[in-house]
Amino acid sequence: MQLNQATAEKILADMGMNDMPIMEIVPTPTALSPDWFKKYKELCHNFVTSLTDSVQELAFMNLDQDEFMSLLMGQSIPKNMSFRFRIPLTWGGKMEIDNMFMCWTFPHAQKLDRFIISQSGAESIWLPNPAKKIYIPAHTTGGGDGGNATEDRLAQMAAQLAAGRE
């Protein structure tokens, strides 16, 4: 189904993701190299270790300290977490950190899959393109008065980890 921007944005809004930026692409069928999965695993590791600049978003994911540190150190990915390509590799996307983002598998990645699949056969496709490396809907990031001690603690831990890598 061929969508226009307004319709694509409405569909995402109906899915509870009205803050998800989108971009239009014309899919360019692209063959994957035989070693694509090995490169993908390396890219995922590099992506995860680059998340020290995304501590605020990670704090809103309600990870416990062990999950948070394991994620930032590239040791393990929390359950229900998905890596997404902004432009799929089979449609001409690049195997680069800038072409990736992370979100919860349920419900966000599943909803995004339905959104993309609904456009099968269209000449141009509207794809999710969040501004940051981690997508968290704006309605889940509202905090109250008094700050966020968890965010502060995780920010300090991430800063120490980043300093240790330099």
C-alpha atoms as a PDB file:
ATOM      1  CA  MET A   1       0.000   0.000   0.000  1.00  0.00           C
ATOM      2  CA  GLN A   2       1.448   3.363  -1.029  1.00  0.00           C
ATOM      3  CA  LEU A   3       1.280   5.866   1.834  1.00  0.00           C
ATOM      4  CA  ASN A   4       1.792   9.585   1.913  1.00  0.00           C
ATOM      5  CA  GLN A   5       3.514  11.248   4.859  1.00  0.00           C
ATOM      6  CA  ALA A   6       0.309  12.281   6.627  1.00  0.00           C
ATOM      7  CA  THR A   7      -1.139   8.767   6.415  1.00  0.00           C
ATOM      8  CA  ALA A   8       2.122   7.180   7.588  1.00  0.00           C
ATOM      9  CA  GLU A   9       2.262   9.555  10.558  1.00  0.00           C
ATOM     10  CA  LYS A  10      -1.378   8.809  11.419  1.00  0.00           C
ATOM     11  CA  ILE A  11      -0.753   5.065  11.377  1.00  0.00           C
ATOM     12  CA  LEU A  12       2.180   5.503  13.758  1.00  0.00           C
ATOM     13  CA  ALA A  13       0.108   7.801  15.975  1.00  0.00           C
ATOM     14  CA  ASP A  14      -2.617   5.147  16.116  1.00  0.00           C
ATOM     15  CA  MET A  15       0.106   2.732  17.278  1.00  0.00           C
ATOM     16  CA  GLY A  16       1.070   5.100  20.106  1.00  0.00           C
ATOM     17  CA  MET A  17       4.222   6.338  18.382  1.00  0.00           C
ATOM     18  CA  ASN A  18       3.129   9.781  17.219  1.00  0.00           C
ATOM     19  CA  ASP A  19       6.578  11.152  18.104  1.00  0.00           C
ATOM     20  CA  MET A  20       8.411   8.778  15.734  1.00  0.00           C
ATOM     21  CA  PRO A  21      10.066  10.723  12.911  1.00  0.00           C
ATOM     22  CA  ILE A  22       9.854   9.014   9.545  1.00  0.00           C
ATOM     23  CA  MET A  23      11.730   9.211   6.279  1.00  0.00           C
ATOM     24  CA  GLU A  24      10.708   8.225   2.795  1.00  0.00           C
ATOM     25  CA  ILE A  25      12.956   5.959   0.745  1.00  0.00           C
ATOM     26  CA  VAL A  26      12.722   4.216  -2.569  1.00  0.00           C
ATOM     27  CA  PRO A  27      13.874   0.671  -1.786  1.00  0.00           C
ATOM     28  CA  THR A  28      16.918  -0.381  -3.757  1.00  0.00           C
ATOM     29  CA  PRO A  29      17.081  -4.190  -3.713  1.00  0.00           C
ATOM     30  CA  THR A  30      20.550  -5.062  -2.484  1.00  0.00           C
ATOM     31  CA  ALA A  31      22.186  -8.467  -2.088  1.00  0.00           C
ATOM     32  CA  LEU A  32      23.859  -9.186   1.213  1.00  0.00           C
ATOM     33  CA  SER A  33      27.449 -10.363   1.311  1.00  0.00           C
ATOM     34  CA  PRO A  34      27.989 -13.939   2.533  1.00  0.00           C
ATOM     35  CA  ASP A  35      29.613 -12.671   5.744  1.00  0.00           C
ATOM     36  CA  TRP A  36      26.886 -10.119   6.541  1.00  0.00           C
ATOM     37  CA  PHE A  37      25.880 -11.759   9.820  1.00  0.00           C
ATOM     38  CA  LYS A  38      29.422 -11.724  11.193  1.00  0.00           C
ATOM     39  CA  LYS A  39      29.668  -8.027  10.291  1.00  0.00           C
ATOM     40  CA  TYR A  40      26.241  -7.422  11.833  1.00  0.00           C
ATOM     41  CA  LYS A  41      27.311  -8.983  15.149  1.00  0.00           C
ATOM     42  CA  GLU A  42      30.444  -6.792  15.190  1.00  0.00           C
ATOM     43  CA  LEU A  43      28.335  -3.734  14.371  1.00  0.00           C
ATOM     44  CA  CYS A  44      25.905  -4.544  17.203  1.00  0.00           C
ATOM     45  CA  HIS A  45      28.819  -4.754  19.635  1.00  0.00           C
ATOM     46  CA  ASN A  46      30.194  -1.412  18.393  1.00  0.00           C
ATOM     47  CA  PHE A  47      26.721   0.122  18.569  1.00  0.00           C
ATOM     48  CA  VAL A  48      26.270  -0.991  22.167  1.00  0.00           C
ATOM     49  CA  THR A  49      29.642   0.349  23.244  1.00  0.00           C
ATOM     50  CA  SER A  50      28.737   3.688  21.628  1.00  0.00           C
ATOM     51  CA  LEU A  51      25.718   4.086  23.928  1.00  0.00           C
ATOM     52  CA  THR A  52      27.625   6.024  26.596  1.00  0.00           C
ATOM     53  CA  ASP A  53      26.178   9.148  24.928  1.00  0.00           C
ATOM     54  CA  SER A  54      22.634   7.800  25.441  1.00  0.00           C
ATOM     55  CA  VAL A  55      22.487   7.465  29.216  1.00  0.00           C
ATOM     56  CA  GLN A  56      19.347   9.566  29.602  1.00  0.00           C
ATOM     57  CA  GLU A  57      17.426   7.330  27.217  1.00  0.00           C
ATOM     58  CA  LEU A  58      18.812   4.196  28.876  1.00  0.00           C
ATOM     59  CA  ALA A  59      17.705   5.490  32.294  1.00  0.00           C
ATOM     60  CA  PHE A  60      14.107   5.615  31.056  1.00  0.00           C
ATOM     61  CA  MET A  61      14.278   1.964  30.031  1.00  0.00           C
ATOM     62  CA  ASN A  62      14.191   0.954  33.713  1.00  0.00           C
ATOM     63  CA  LEU A  63      17.153  -1.385  33.441  1.00  0.00           C
ATOM     64  CA  ASP A  64      18.662  -2.598  36.668  1.00  0.00           C
ATOM     65  CA  GLN A  65      22.302  -1.765  37.331  1.00  0.00           C
ATOM     66  CA  ASP A  66      23.605  -5.140  36.128  1.00  0.00           C
ATOM     67  CA  GLU A  67      21.629  -4.956  32.857  1.00  0.00           C
ATOM     68  CA  PHE A  68      22.765  -1.368  32.332  1.00  0.00           C
ATOM     69  CA  MET A  69      26.451  -2.127  32.864  1.00  0.00           C
ATOM     70  CA  SER A  70      26.332  -5.354  30.830  1.00  0.00           C
ATOM     71  CA  LEU A  71      24.725  -3.447  27.986  1.00  0.00           C
ATOM     72  CA  LEU A  72      27.237  -0.583  27.997  1.00  0.00           C
ATOM     73  CA  MET A  73      30.168  -2.996  28.243  1.00  0.00           C
ATOM     74  CA  GLY A  74      28.856  -4.988  25.294  1.00  0.00           C
ATOM     75  CA  GLN A  75      28.499  -8.154  27.345  1.00  0.00           C
ATOM     76  CA  SER A  76      24.784  -8.796  26.980  1.00  0.00           C
ATOM     77  CA  ILE A  77      21.609  -7.268  25.626  1.00  0.00           C
ATOM     78  CA  PRO A  78      18.619  -7.022  27.976  1.00  0.00           C
ATOM     79  CA  LYS A  79      15.653  -9.234  27.146  1.00  0.00           C
ATOM     80  CA  ASN A  80      13.002  -7.632  24.950  1.00  0.00           C
ATOM     81  CA  MET A  81      15.538  -5.282  23.333  1.00  0.00           C
ATOM     82  CA  SER A  82      15.849  -5.019  19.523  1.00  0.00           C
ATOM     83  CA  PHE A  83      18.405  -3.552  17.187  1.00  0.00           C
ATOM     84  CA  ARG A  84      16.814  -1.958  14.136  1.00  0.00           C
ATOM     85  CA  PHE A  85      18.211  -0.665  10.874  1.00  0.00           C
ATOM     86  CA  ARG A  86      16.804   2.689   9.841  1.00  0.00           C
ATOM     87  CA  ILE A  87      17.115   1.522   6.231  1.00  0.00           C
ATOM     88  CA  PRO A  88      17.178  -2.273   5.945  1.00  0.00           C
ATOM     89  CA  LEU A  89      20.320  -3.709   4.389  1.00  0.00           C
ATOM     90  CA  THR A  90      18.271  -5.464   1.697  1.00  0.00           C
ATOM     91  CA  TRP A  91      16.904  -2.059   0.643  1.00  0.00           C
ATOM     92  CA  GLY A  92      20.263  -0.338   0.333  1.00  0.00           C
ATOM     93  CA  GLY A  93      20.945   0.483   3.999  1.00  0.00           C
ATOM     94  CA  LYS A  94      24.528   0.658   5.177  1.00  0.00           C
ATOM     95  CA  MET A  95      26.136  -1.527   7.837  1.00  0.00           C
ATOM     96  CA  GLU A  96      26.911   1.518  10.021  1.00  0.00           C
ATOM     97  CA  ILE A  97      26.090   2.683  13.556  1.00  0.00           C
ATOM     98  CA  ASP A  98      24.309   5.736  12.115  1.00  0.00           C
ATOM     99  CA  ASN A  99      21.893   3.369  10.351  1.00  0.00           C
ATOM    100  CA  MET A 100      20.877   1.703  13.614  1.00  0.00           C
ATOM    101  CA  PHE A 101      18.665   2.347  16.590  1.00  0.00           C
ATOM    102  CA  MET A 102      17.469   0.298  19.512  1.00  0.00           C
ATOM    103  CA  CYS A 103      13.988  -0.080  20.992  1.00  0.00           C
ATOM    104  CA  TRP A 104      11.893  -2.495  22.992  1.00  0.00           C
ATOM    105  CA  THR A 105      10.940  -5.555  20.946  1.00  0.00           C
ATOM    106  CA  PHE A 106       7.463  -5.530  22.457  1.00  0.00           C
ATOM    107  CA  PRO A 107       5.627  -3.437  21.663  1.00  0.00           C
ATOM    108  CA  HIS A 108       7.703  -1.041  19.532  1.00  0.00           C
ATOM    109  CA  ALA A 109       9.708  -3.272  17.169  1.00  0.00           C
ATOM    110  CA  GLN A 110       6.655  -5.442  16.546  1.00  0.00           C
ATOM    111  CA  LYS A 111       4.528  -2.401  15.719  1.00  0.00           C
ATOM    112  CA  LEU A 112       7.248  -1.013  13.448  1.00  0.00           C
ATOM    113  CA  ASP A 113       7.428  -4.348  11.619  1.00  0.00           C
ATOM    114  CA  ARG A 114       3.666  -4.241  10.990  1.00  0.00           C
ATOM    115  CA  PHE A 115       3.965  -0.629   9.811  1.00  0.00           C
ATOM    116  CA  ILE A 116       6.736  -1.477   7.339  1.00  0.00           C
ATOM    117  CA  ILE A 117       5.177  -4.739   6.117  1.00  0.00           C
ATOM    118  CA  SER A 118       1.881  -2.936   5.463  1.00  0.00           C
ATOM    119  CA  GLN A 119       3.720  -0.964   2.777  1.00  0.00           C
ATOM    120  CA  SER A 120       4.817  -4.070   0.820  1.00  0.00           C
ATOM    121  CA  GLY A 121       4.874  -3.488  -2.889  1.00  0.00           C
ATOM    122  CA  ALA A 122       4.818   0.304  -2.616  1.00  0.00           C
ATOM    123  CA  GLU A 123       7.070   2.381  -4.838  1.00  0.00           C
ATOM    124  CA  SER A 124       8.342   4.351  -1.861  1.00  0.00           C
ATOM    125  CA  ILE A 125       8.390   3.291   1.774  1.00  0.00           C
ATOM    126  CA  TRP A 126       8.108   5.350   4.951  1.00  0.00           C
ATOM    127  CA  LEU A 127      10.575   4.119   7.555  1.00  0.00           C
ATOM    128  CA  PRO A 128      11.042   4.965  11.231  1.00  0.00           C
ATOM    129  CA  ASN A 129      13.938   7.342  11.792  1.00  0.00           C
ATOM    130  CA  PRO A 130      14.234   8.276  15.479  1.00  0.00           C
ATOM    131  CA  ALA A 131      16.436  11.241  16.317  1.00  0.00           C
ATOM    132  CA  LYS A 132      18.525   9.267  18.805  1.00  0.00           C
ATOM    133  CA  LYS A 133      20.134   5.846  19.057  1.00  0.00           C
ATOM    134  CA  ILE A 134      17.403   4.641  21.383  1.00  0.00           C
ATOM    135  CA  TYR A 135      13.710   5.071  20.696  1.00  0.00           C
ATOM    136  CA  ILE A 136      11.496   5.631  23.700  1.00  0.00           C
ATOM    137  CA  PRO A 137       8.073   7.196  23.078  1.00  0.00           C
ATOM    138  CA  ALA A 138       7.835  10.679  24.560  1.00  0.00           C
ATOM    139  CA  HIS A 139       4.801   9.758  26.643  1.00  0.00           C
ATOM    140  CA  THR A 140       6.970   7.308  28.628  1.00  0.00           C
ATOM    141  CA  THR A 141       9.772   9.777  29.393  1.00  0.00           C
ATOM    142  CA  GLY A 142       7.885  12.303  31.494  1.00  0.00           C
ATOM    143  CA  GLY A 143       9.354  12.694  34.932  1.00  0.00           C
ATOM    144  CA  GLY A 144       8.050  14.374  37.999  1.00  0.00           C
ATOM    145  CA  ASP A 145       9.513  17.049  40.227  1.00  0.00           C
ATOM    146  CA  GLY A 146      12.659  16.251  42.129  1.00  0.00           C
ATOM    147  CA  GLY A 147      14.921  14.814  39.448  1.00  0.00           C
ATOM    148  CA  ASN A 148      15.828  11.261  38.694  1.00  0.00           C
ATOM    149  CA  ALA A 149      18.346   9.667  41.037  1.00  0.00           C
ATOM    150  CA  THR A 150      18.572   6.562  38.832  1.00  0.00           C
ATOM    151  CA  GLU A 151      19.402   8.675  35.801  1.00  0.00           C
ATOM    152  CA  ASP A 152      22.035  10.587  37.787  1.00  0.00           C
ATOM    153  CA  ARG A 153      23.602   7.376  39.081  1.00  0.00           C
ATOM    154  CA  LEU A 154      23.634   5.738  35.649  1.00  0.00           C
ATOM    155  CA  ALA A 155      25.050   8.911  34.069  1.00  0.00           C
ATOM    156  CA  GLN A 156      27.944   8.861  36.528  1.00  0.00           C
ATOM    157  CA  MET A 157      28.604   5.181  35.826  1.00  0.00           C
ATOM    158  CA  ALA A 158      28.536   5.741  32.069  1.00  0.00           C
ATOM    159  CA  ALA A 159      30.891   8.722  32.353  1.00  0.00           C
ATOM    160  CA  GLN A 160      33.367   6.610  34.313  1.00  0.00           C
ATOM    161  CA  LEU A 161      33.099   3.811  31.781  1.00  0.00           C
ATOM    162  CA  ALA A 162      33.627   6.215  28.868  1.00  0.00           C
ATOM    163  CA  ALA A 163      36.621   7.807  30.605  1.00  0.00           C
ATOM    164  CA  GLY A 164      38.124   4.367  31.113  1.00  0.00           C
ATOM    165  CA  ARG A 165      37.967   3.685  27.359  1.00  0.00           C
ATOM    166  CA  GLU A 166      39.910   6.796  26.402  1.00  0.00           C
END
